[in-house]
Amino acid sequence: MWTALTSADVRAQLSEAEAAAVEAVLAGTNKLDGLVAKVIAQIREDILAGDYPLHAAATYIPGGLVNDAVAIARWKLLLALPGYEDLQSKVRENEYKEAMAKLRTIAAGKRKVEPPEGSIKPSIAGNWNSENKIVPRIHPLPRPGIQSPSSEPGYSNESDEARNDSV
């Protein structure tokens, strides 16, 4: 299910130390909203690059990518905080790298995303055996009179004399 990503979603995923640092630096500004909007735009561009349909609302992303969007926004936010390099942990960086790798596979069309509500799913049902077929060239079957007689009795193409003898 597609959902709107907000800055509150990103704030909810911050640790206590990260949240305190964000509040100290970004108090009263809407810079986090701008960062979230850029992450949403990036995700939607990758979905579009993978030739998948988008939701009509510009702030909606697939529900399966919300955690990845939060990981990307969180890492970019931590990089933007001056004097808080100690919050840039390897765990957060790995979450960011994994999310970006997932977006690259979506953009390449190697990973599917759920279609938005109201979009038309392509029909995979079809008329079975309705495709054009090419009949292979085969050798013609021999006529029954040309077949060689069998040595086994009861063969359907026995000679007339053998048939008359057994009657």
N, C-alpha and C. Protein backbone atom coordinates (compact mmCIF):
# COMPACT_ATOMS: atom_id res chain seq x y z
N MET A 1 0.84 -1.17 0.00
CA MET A 1 0.00 0.00 0.00
C MET A 1 0.89 1.24 0.00
N TRP A 2 0.66 2.12 -0.90
CA TRP A 2 1.44 3.34 -1.00
C TRP A 2 1.04 4.29 0.12
N THR A 3 2.02 5.00 0.63
CA THR A 3 1.78 5.90 1.76
C THR A 3 2.62 7.16 1.60
N ALA A 4 2.17 8.21 2.27
CA ALA A 4 2.90 9.48 2.24
C ALA A 4 3.99 9.44 3.30
N LEU A 5 5.19 9.80 2.91
CA LEU A 5 6.30 9.88 3.85
C LEU A 5 6.39 11.31 4.36
N THR A 6 6.51 11.47 5.68
CA THR A 6 6.61 12.79 6.28
C THR A 6 7.87 12.89 7.12
N SER A 7 8.18 14.10 7.53
CA SER A 7 9.34 14.28 8.41
C SER A 7 9.10 13.65 9.77
N ALA A 8 7.82 13.52 10.17
CA ALA A 8 7.51 12.85 11.44
C ALA A 8 7.90 11.38 11.38
N ASP A 9 7.77 10.76 10.21
CA ASP A 9 8.19 9.36 10.06
C ASP A 9 9.70 9.23 10.26
N VAL A 10 10.45 10.18 9.76
CA VAL A 10 11.90 10.16 9.92
C VAL A 10 12.26 10.42 11.38
N ARG A 11 11.62 11.39 12.00
CA ARG A 11 11.90 11.69 13.41
C ARG A 11 11.59 10.51 14.32
N ALA A 12 10.56 9.74 13.98
CA ALA A 12 10.18 8.58 14.79
C ALA A 12 11.24 7.48 14.74
N GLN A 13 12.05 7.46 13.70
CA GLN A 13 13.07 6.42 13.54
C GLN A 13 14.45 6.85 14.06
N LEU A 14 14.54 8.01 14.65
CA LEU A 14 15.82 8.48 15.19
C LEU A 14 16.02 7.96 16.60
N SER A 15 17.28 7.71 16.94
CA SER A 15 17.59 7.34 18.33
C SER A 15 17.47 8.60 19.19
N GLU A 16 17.56 8.45 20.49
CA GLU A 16 17.43 9.61 21.39
C GLU A 16 18.54 10.62 21.13
N ALA A 17 19.76 10.14 20.95
CA ALA A 17 20.89 11.04 20.70
C ALA A 17 20.71 11.75 19.36
N GLU A 18 20.26 11.01 18.34
CA GLU A 18 20.04 11.62 17.03
C GLU A 18 18.92 12.66 17.08
N ALA A 19 17.84 12.32 17.78
CA ALA A 19 16.70 13.25 17.89
C ALA A 19 17.11 14.53 18.61
N ALA A 20 17.90 14.40 19.68
CA ALA A 20 18.35 15.59 20.41
C ALA A 20 19.24 16.47 19.53
N ALA A 21 20.11 15.86 18.76
CA ALA A 21 20.99 16.62 17.87
C ALA A 21 20.19 17.31 16.78
N VAL A 22 19.20 16.62 16.22
CA VAL A 22 18.36 17.21 15.18
C VAL A 22 17.59 18.39 15.74
N GLU A 23 17.03 18.24 16.92
CA GLU A 23 16.26 19.33 17.53
C GLU A 23 17.16 20.52 17.84
N ALA A 24 18.38 20.25 18.26
CA ALA A 24 19.30 21.35 18.59
C ALA A 24 19.70 22.13 17.35
N VAL A 25 19.89 21.43 16.24
CA VAL A 25 20.35 22.09 15.03
C VAL A 25 19.19 22.64 14.19
N LEU A 26 18.12 21.86 14.08
CA LEU A 26 17.04 22.23 13.18
C LEU A 26 15.82 22.83 13.87
N ALA A 27 15.93 23.20 15.10
CA ALA A 27 14.77 23.71 15.85
C ALA A 27 14.13 24.89 15.12
N GLY A 28 12.84 24.73 14.82
CA GLY A 28 12.08 25.81 14.19
C GLY A 28 12.28 25.97 12.70
N THR A 29 13.04 25.10 12.07
CA THR A 29 13.23 25.21 10.61
C THR A 29 12.49 24.07 9.92
N ASN A 30 12.33 24.20 8.64
CA ASN A 30 11.68 23.13 7.87
C ASN A 30 12.66 22.43 6.93
N LYS A 31 13.93 22.42 7.31
CA LYS A 31 14.96 21.79 6.48
C LYS A 31 14.73 20.28 6.36
N LEU A 32 14.22 19.67 7.42
CA LEU A 32 13.95 18.23 7.37
C LEU A 32 12.84 17.94 6.35
N ASP A 33 11.84 18.80 6.28
CA ASP A 33 10.77 18.61 5.29
C ASP A 33 11.34 18.65 3.87
N GLY A 34 12.26 19.56 3.62
CA GLY A 34 12.89 19.65 2.31
C GLY A 34 13.72 18.42 1.99
N LEU A 35 14.42 17.90 2.99
CA LEU A 35 15.22 16.70 2.80
C LEU A 35 14.33 15.50 2.49
N VAL A 36 13.23 15.38 3.22
CA VAL A 36 12.29 14.27 2.98
C VAL A 36 11.69 14.38 1.58
N ALA A 37 11.37 15.59 1.15
CA ALA A 37 10.82 15.78 -0.20
C ALA A 37 11.83 15.35 -1.26
N LYS A 38 13.10 15.62 -1.05
CA LYS A 38 14.13 15.21 -2.01
C LYS A 38 14.27 13.69 -2.05
N VAL A 39 14.19 13.05 -0.90
CA VAL A 39 14.29 11.58 -0.84
C VAL A 39 13.08 10.96 -1.55
N ILE A 40 11.90 11.51 -1.33
CA ILE A 40 10.70 11.01 -2.01
C ILE A 40 10.86 11.16 -3.52
N ALA A 41 11.33 12.31 -3.96
CA ALA A 41 11.53 12.53 -5.40
C ALA A 41 12.53 11.54 -5.97
N GLN A 42 13.60 11.25 -5.23
CA GLN A 42 14.61 10.30 -5.70
C GLN A 42 14.00 8.91 -5.84
N ILE A 43 13.22 8.49 -4.86
CA ILE A 43 12.59 7.16 -4.91
C ILE A 43 11.61 7.07 -6.07
N ARG A 44 10.80 8.11 -6.25
CA ARG A 44 9.84 8.11 -7.34
C ARG A 44 10.54 8.11 -8.71
N GLU A 45 11.66 8.80 -8.82
CA GLU A 45 12.43 8.79 -10.08
C GLU A 45 12.97 7.40 -10.37
N ASP A 46 13.44 6.70 -9.33
CA ASP A 46 13.96 5.35 -9.54
C ASP A 46 12.83 4.38 -9.92
N ILE A 47 11.66 4.55 -9.34
CA ILE A 47 10.51 3.71 -9.69
C ILE A 47 10.12 3.97 -11.15
N LEU A 48 10.11 5.23 -11.53
CA LEU A 48 9.78 5.59 -12.90
C LEU A 48 10.85 5.07 -13.88
N ALA A 49 12.11 5.12 -13.47
CA ALA A 49 13.19 4.61 -14.32
C ALA A 49 13.06 3.10 -14.54
N GLY A 50 12.51 2.40 -13.55
CA GLY A 50 12.28 0.96 -13.69
C GLY A 50 11.04 0.64 -14.49
N ASP A 51 10.36 1.68 -14.99
CA ASP A 51 9.16 1.55 -15.81
C ASP A 51 7.98 0.98 -15.02
N TYR A 52 7.84 1.43 -13.78
CA TYR A 52 6.71 1.05 -12.95
C TYR A 52 5.79 2.25 -12.79
N PRO A 53 4.49 2.01 -12.57
CA PRO A 53 3.56 3.14 -12.42
C PRO A 53 3.76 3.86 -11.09
N LEU A 54 3.43 5.15 -11.07
CA LEU A 54 3.53 5.97 -9.87
C LEU A 54 2.15 6.32 -9.35
N HIS A 55 2.07 6.59 -8.07
CA HIS A 55 0.84 7.08 -7.46
C HIS A 55 0.64 8.52 -7.90
N ALA A 56 -0.62 8.93 -8.00
CA ALA A 56 -0.92 10.30 -8.46
C ALA A 56 -0.42 11.35 -7.48
N ALA A 57 -0.44 11.05 -6.17
CA ALA A 57 0.03 12.00 -5.17
C ALA A 57 1.55 12.00 -5.15
N ALA A 58 2.13 13.18 -5.22
CA ALA A 58 3.58 13.32 -5.35
C ALA A 58 4.35 12.93 -4.09
N THR A 59 3.70 12.80 -2.95
CA THR A 59 4.39 12.47 -1.71
C THR A 59 4.25 10.99 -1.35
N TYR A 60 3.63 10.21 -2.21
CA TYR A 60 3.39 8.80 -1.90
C TYR A 60 4.49 7.92 -2.48
N ILE A 61 4.91 6.95 -1.67
CA ILE A 61 5.87 5.94 -2.08
C ILE A 61 5.33 4.57 -1.66
N PRO A 62 5.82 3.48 -2.26
CA PRO A 62 5.34 2.16 -1.85
C PRO A 62 5.66 1.88 -0.38
N GLY A 63 4.74 1.22 0.29
CA GLY A 63 4.91 0.90 1.70
C GLY A 63 6.17 0.09 1.97
N GLY A 64 6.57 -0.75 1.01
CA GLY A 64 7.78 -1.55 1.17
C GLY A 64 9.07 -0.75 1.13
N LEU A 65 8.99 0.51 0.70
CA LEU A 65 10.19 1.34 0.62
C LEU A 65 10.25 2.42 1.69
N VAL A 66 9.30 2.42 2.62
CA VAL A 66 9.28 3.46 3.67
C VAL A 66 10.52 3.37 4.54
N ASN A 67 10.87 2.18 4.99
CA ASN A 67 12.06 2.04 5.84
C ASN A 67 13.33 2.43 5.08
N ASP A 68 13.37 2.13 3.80
CA ASP A 68 14.53 2.51 2.99
C ASP A 68 14.59 4.04 2.84
N ALA A 69 13.43 4.65 2.65
CA ALA A 69 13.39 6.11 2.54
C ALA A 69 13.84 6.76 3.84
N VAL A 70 13.42 6.21 4.95
CA VAL A 70 13.83 6.74 6.25
C VAL A 70 15.33 6.57 6.44
N ALA A 71 15.87 5.42 6.03
CA ALA A 71 17.31 5.19 6.16
C ALA A 71 18.11 6.19 5.33
N ILE A 72 17.63 6.48 4.13
CA ILE A 72 18.32 7.45 3.28
C ILE A 72 18.23 8.84 3.88
N ALA A 73 17.03 9.24 4.29
CA ALA A 73 16.85 10.58 4.86
C ALA A 73 17.64 10.73 6.16
N ARG A 74 17.63 9.69 6.98
CA ARG A 74 18.35 9.75 8.25
C ARG A 74 19.85 9.92 8.02
N TRP A 75 20.41 9.16 7.09
CA TRP A 75 21.85 9.25 6.84
C TRP A 75 22.22 10.63 6.30
N LYS A 76 21.42 11.13 5.36
CA LYS A 76 21.70 12.45 4.82
C LYS A 76 21.56 13.53 5.89
N LEU A 77 20.64 13.33 6.80
CA LEU A 77 20.45 14.28 7.90
C LEU A 77 21.65 14.23 8.85
N LEU A 78 22.11 13.03 9.16
CA LEU A 78 23.27 12.91 10.05
C LEU A 78 24.53 13.50 9.42
N LEU A 79 24.65 13.38 8.11
CA LEU A 79 25.80 13.98 7.44
C LEU A 79 25.73 15.51 7.47
N ALA A 80 24.53 16.05 7.53
CA ALA A 80 24.34 17.50 7.49
C ALA A 80 24.47 18.16 8.87
N LEU A 81 24.54 17.37 9.92
CA LEU A 81 24.62 17.94 11.27
C LEU A 81 26.08 18.28 11.59
N PRO A 82 26.39 19.54 11.74
CA PRO A 82 27.78 19.91 12.07
C PRO A 82 28.11 19.57 13.52
N GLY A 83 29.26 19.00 13.72
CA GLY A 83 29.72 18.69 15.08
C GLY A 83 29.17 17.41 15.67
N TYR A 84 28.44 16.62 14.90
CA TYR A 84 27.85 15.38 15.41
C TYR A 84 28.34 14.18 14.61
N GLU A 85 29.61 14.17 14.27
CA GLU A 85 30.18 13.07 13.49
C GLU A 85 30.11 11.74 14.23
N ASP A 86 30.06 11.78 15.56
CA ASP A 86 29.99 10.55 16.34
C ASP A 86 28.66 9.81 16.12
N LEU A 87 27.64 10.49 15.61
CA LEU A 87 26.35 9.84 15.34
C LEU A 87 26.35 9.11 13.99
N GLN A 88 27.36 9.35 13.19
CA GLN A 88 27.44 8.71 11.88
C GLN A 88 28.05 7.32 12.02
N SER A 89 27.27 6.40 12.53
CA SER A 89 27.76 5.05 12.81
C SER A 89 27.77 4.20 11.55
N LYS A 90 28.51 3.10 11.62
CA LYS A 90 28.60 2.16 10.51
C LYS A 90 27.24 1.50 10.26
N VAL A 91 26.47 1.30 11.31
CA VAL A 91 25.15 0.69 11.16
C VAL A 91 24.25 1.57 10.30
N ARG A 92 24.23 2.86 10.60
CA ARG A 92 23.42 3.81 9.82
C ARG A 92 23.92 3.91 8.38
N GLU A 93 25.22 3.88 8.22
CA GLU A 93 25.78 3.97 6.88
C GLU A 93 25.42 2.72 6.06
N ASN A 94 25.49 1.55 6.69
CA ASN A 94 25.13 0.31 6.00
C ASN A 94 23.65 0.28 5.63
N GLU A 95 22.79 0.79 6.51
CA GLU A 95 21.36 0.87 6.19
C GLU A 95 21.15 1.76 4.97
N TYR A 96 21.87 2.87 4.91
CA TYR A 96 21.79 3.78 3.76
C TYR A 96 22.26 3.08 2.49
N LYS A 97 23.39 2.38 2.56
CA LYS A 97 23.93 1.71 1.38
C LYS A 97 23.00 0.62 0.87
N GLU A 98 22.39 -0.13 1.79
CA GLU A 98 21.46 -1.18 1.40
C GLU A 98 20.22 -0.58 0.74
N ALA A 99 19.73 0.52 1.28
CA ALA A 99 18.56 1.18 0.69
C ALA A 99 18.88 1.70 -0.71
N MET A 100 20.06 2.27 -0.88
CA MET A 100 20.44 2.78 -2.20
C MET A 100 20.62 1.64 -3.20
N ALA A 101 21.16 0.51 -2.74
CA ALA A 101 21.32 -0.64 -3.62
C ALA A 101 19.95 -1.17 -4.06
N LYS A 102 18.99 -1.16 -3.15
CA LYS A 102 17.63 -1.60 -3.50
C LYS A 102 17.03 -0.66 -4.55
N LEU A 103 17.24 0.63 -4.38
CA LEU A 103 16.70 1.59 -5.36
C LEU A 103 17.36 1.41 -6.73
N ARG A 104 18.65 1.06 -6.74
CA ARG A 104 19.33 0.83 -8.02
C ARG A 104 18.75 -0.38 -8.74
N THR A 105 18.42 -1.44 -7.99
CA THR A 105 17.84 -2.62 -8.63
C THR A 105 16.42 -2.33 -9.13
N ILE A 106 15.69 -1.46 -8.42
CA ILE A 106 14.36 -1.06 -8.89
C ILE A 106 14.48 -0.25 -10.17
N ALA A 107 15.41 0.69 -10.18
CA ALA A 107 15.61 1.53 -11.37
C ALA A 107 16.05 0.70 -12.57
N ALA A 108 16.78 -0.37 -12.33
CA ALA A 108 17.23 -1.25 -13.41
C ALA A 108 16.13 -2.21 -13.86
N GLY A 109 15.01 -2.23 -13.14
CA GLY A 109 13.91 -3.12 -13.49
C GLY A 109 14.11 -4.54 -13.02
N LYS A 110 15.06 -4.77 -12.12
CA LYS A 110 15.34 -6.11 -11.63
C LYS A 110 14.56 -6.44 -10.35
N ARG A 111 13.95 -5.45 -9.77
CA ARG A 111 13.17 -5.65 -8.54
C ARG A 111 11.84 -4.94 -8.73
N LYS A 112 10.76 -5.63 -8.47
CA LYS A 112 9.43 -5.07 -8.67
C LYS A 112 8.99 -4.26 -7.45
N VAL A 113 8.10 -3.30 -7.69
CA VAL A 113 7.47 -2.56 -6.61
C VAL A 113 5.97 -2.77 -6.72
N GLU A 114 5.31 -2.65 -5.61
CA GLU A 114 3.87 -2.84 -5.63
C GLU A 114 3.21 -1.71 -6.41
N PRO A 115 2.20 -2.03 -7.20
CA PRO A 115 1.54 -0.97 -7.98
C PRO A 115 0.69 -0.10 -7.06
N PRO A 116 0.52 1.16 -7.41
CA PRO A 116 -0.33 2.02 -6.59
C PRO A 116 -1.79 1.62 -6.71
N GLU A 117 -2.59 2.00 -5.72
CA GLU A 117 -4.01 1.69 -5.72
C GLU A 117 -4.65 2.32 -6.95
N GLY A 118 -5.53 1.57 -7.57
CA GLY A 118 -6.25 2.10 -8.72
C GLY A 118 -5.53 1.91 -10.03
N SER A 119 -4.30 1.43 -10.01
CA SER A 119 -3.61 1.20 -11.28
C SER A 119 -4.07 -0.13 -11.84
N ILE A 120 -3.97 -0.26 -13.12
CA ILE A 120 -4.42 -1.47 -13.78
C ILE A 120 -3.25 -2.43 -13.86
N LYS A 121 -3.47 -3.61 -13.34
CA LYS A 121 -2.43 -4.64 -13.41
C LYS A 121 -2.49 -5.27 -14.79
N PRO A 122 -1.34 -5.55 -15.37
CA PRO A 122 -1.37 -6.21 -16.67
C PRO A 122 -1.95 -7.60 -16.56
N SER A 123 -2.77 -7.97 -17.51
CA SER A 123 -3.42 -9.27 -17.50
C SER A 123 -2.45 -10.31 -18.04
N ILE A 124 -2.28 -11.37 -17.29
CA ILE A 124 -1.43 -12.45 -17.77
C ILE A 124 -2.28 -13.59 -18.32
N ALA A 125 -3.62 -13.46 -18.19
CA ALA A 125 -4.51 -14.48 -18.73
C ALA A 125 -4.56 -14.30 -20.24
N GLY A 126 -4.68 -15.38 -20.94
CA GLY A 126 -4.74 -15.31 -22.39
C GLY A 126 -5.50 -16.47 -22.95
N ASN A 127 -5.60 -16.52 -24.22
CA ASN A 127 -6.24 -17.65 -24.88
C ASN A 127 -5.15 -18.67 -25.14
N TRP A 128 -5.21 -19.74 -24.40
CA TRP A 128 -4.18 -20.75 -24.52
C TRP A 128 -4.24 -21.38 -25.90
N ASN A 129 -3.12 -21.72 -26.43
CA ASN A 129 -2.96 -22.34 -27.75
C ASN A 129 -3.49 -21.45 -28.87
N SER A 130 -3.50 -20.17 -28.67
CA SER A 130 -3.99 -19.27 -29.71
C SER A 130 -2.86 -18.64 -30.51
N GLU A 131 -1.64 -18.96 -30.17
CA GLU A 131 -0.53 -18.36 -30.89
C GLU A 131 -0.34 -19.03 -32.25
N ASN A 132 0.30 -18.32 -33.14
CA ASN A 132 0.60 -18.89 -34.43
C ASN A 132 1.67 -19.97 -34.25
N LYS A 133 1.48 -21.05 -34.97
CA LYS A 133 2.45 -22.14 -34.88
C LYS A 133 2.99 -22.46 -36.26
N ILE A 134 4.22 -22.85 -36.30
CA ILE A 134 4.84 -23.28 -37.54
C ILE A 134 4.93 -24.80 -37.49
N VAL A 135 4.27 -25.42 -38.44
CA VAL A 135 4.29 -26.88 -38.48
C VAL A 135 5.60 -27.30 -39.11
N PRO A 136 6.35 -28.17 -38.44
CA PRO A 136 7.64 -28.57 -38.99
C PRO A 136 7.46 -29.43 -40.24
N ARG A 137 8.43 -29.39 -41.10
CA ARG A 137 8.42 -30.21 -42.30
C ARG A 137 8.79 -31.63 -41.90
N ILE A 138 7.94 -32.55 -42.27
CA ILE A 138 8.20 -33.96 -41.94
C ILE A 138 8.12 -34.78 -43.22
N HIS A 139 8.66 -35.95 -43.19
CA HIS A 139 8.60 -36.84 -44.35
C HIS A 139 7.19 -37.40 -44.46
N PRO A 140 6.71 -37.55 -45.66
CA PRO A 140 5.36 -38.10 -45.81
C PRO A 140 5.31 -39.56 -45.33
N LEU A 141 4.16 -39.95 -44.85
CA LEU A 141 3.99 -41.32 -44.39
C LEU A 141 3.87 -42.25 -45.59
N PRO A 142 4.45 -43.41 -45.52
CA PRO A 142 4.33 -44.34 -46.66
C PRO A 142 2.91 -44.87 -46.78
N ARG A 143 2.49 -45.17 -47.99
CA ARG A 143 1.17 -45.76 -48.21
C ARG A 143 1.18 -47.18 -47.69
N PRO A 144 0.04 -47.69 -47.25
CA PRO A 144 0.03 -49.04 -46.67
C PRO A 144 0.49 -50.13 -47.63
N GLY A 145 0.25 -50.00 -48.90
CA GLY A 145 0.66 -51.04 -49.84
C GLY A 145 2.16 -51.11 -50.02
N ILE A 146 2.89 -50.07 -49.72
CA ILE A 146 4.32 -50.03 -49.93
C ILE A 146 5.07 -50.58 -48.72
N GLN A 147 4.43 -50.67 -47.60
CA GLN A 147 5.11 -51.16 -46.40
C GLN A 147 5.57 -52.59 -46.60
N SER A 148 6.66 -52.91 -45.98
CA SER A 148 7.18 -54.27 -46.11
C SER A 148 6.36 -55.22 -45.24
N PRO A 149 6.12 -56.42 -45.73
CA PRO A 149 5.33 -57.36 -44.93
C PRO A 149 6.11 -57.85 -43.72
N SER A 150 5.42 -58.16 -42.70
CA SER A 150 6.04 -58.62 -41.47
C SER A 150 6.08 -60.13 -41.46
N SER A 151 6.99 -60.68 -40.72
CA SER A 151 7.08 -62.13 -40.61
C SER A 151 6.15 -62.65 -39.51
N GLU A 152 5.59 -61.74 -38.74
CA GLU A 152 4.69 -62.17 -37.67
C GLU A 152 3.31 -62.45 -38.25
N PRO A 153 2.67 -63.53 -37.81
CA PRO A 153 1.32 -63.80 -38.30
C PRO A 153 0.34 -62.77 -37.72
N GLY A 154 -0.70 -62.51 -38.45
CA GLY A 154 -1.73 -61.59 -37.98
C GLY A 154 -1.44 -60.15 -38.33
N TYR A 155 -0.42 -59.93 -39.14
CA TYR A 155 -0.09 -58.57 -39.54
C TYR A 155 -1.18 -58.08 -40.48
N SER A 156 -1.56 -56.85 -40.37
CA SER A 156 -2.69 -56.34 -41.13
C SER A 156 -2.43 -56.24 -42.62
N ASN A 157 -1.20 -56.19 -43.04
CA ASN A 157 -0.90 -56.08 -44.47
C ASN A 157 -0.28 -57.38 -45.02
N GLU A 158 -0.78 -58.50 -44.58
CA GLU A 158 -0.26 -59.77 -45.10
C GLU A 158 -0.63 -59.89 -46.57
N SER A 159 0.11 -60.71 -47.24
CA SER A 159 -0.21 -60.94 -48.65
C SER A 159 -1.52 -61.71 -48.75
N ASP A 160 -2.17 -61.63 -49.88
CA ASP A 160 -3.47 -62.29 -50.06
C ASP A 160 -3.33 -63.81 -49.95
N GLU A 161 -2.21 -64.37 -50.41
CA GLU A 161 -2.06 -65.83 -50.38
C GLU A 161 -1.97 -66.33 -48.94
N ALA A 162 -1.25 -65.60 -48.09
CA ALA A 162 -1.13 -66.03 -46.70
C ALA A 162 -2.46 -65.91 -46.00
N ARG A 163 -3.26 -64.99 -46.39
CA ARG A 163 -4.57 -64.80 -45.79
C ARG A 163 -5.50 -65.94 -46.22
N ASN A 164 -5.43 -66.36 -47.45
CA ASN A 164 -6.30 -67.41 -47.97
C ASN A 164 -5.92 -68.77 -47.39
N ASP A 165 -4.63 -68.99 -47.09
CA ASP A 165 -4.18 -70.25 -46.53
C ASP A 165 -4.69 -70.46 -45.13
N SER A 166 -4.78 -69.40 -44.37
CA SER A 166 -5.19 -69.54 -42.97
C SER A 166 -6.70 -69.69 -42.84
N VAL A 167 -7.50 -69.46 -43.86
CA VAL A 167 -8.96 -69.56 -43.78
C VAL A 167 -9.40 -70.92 -44.03
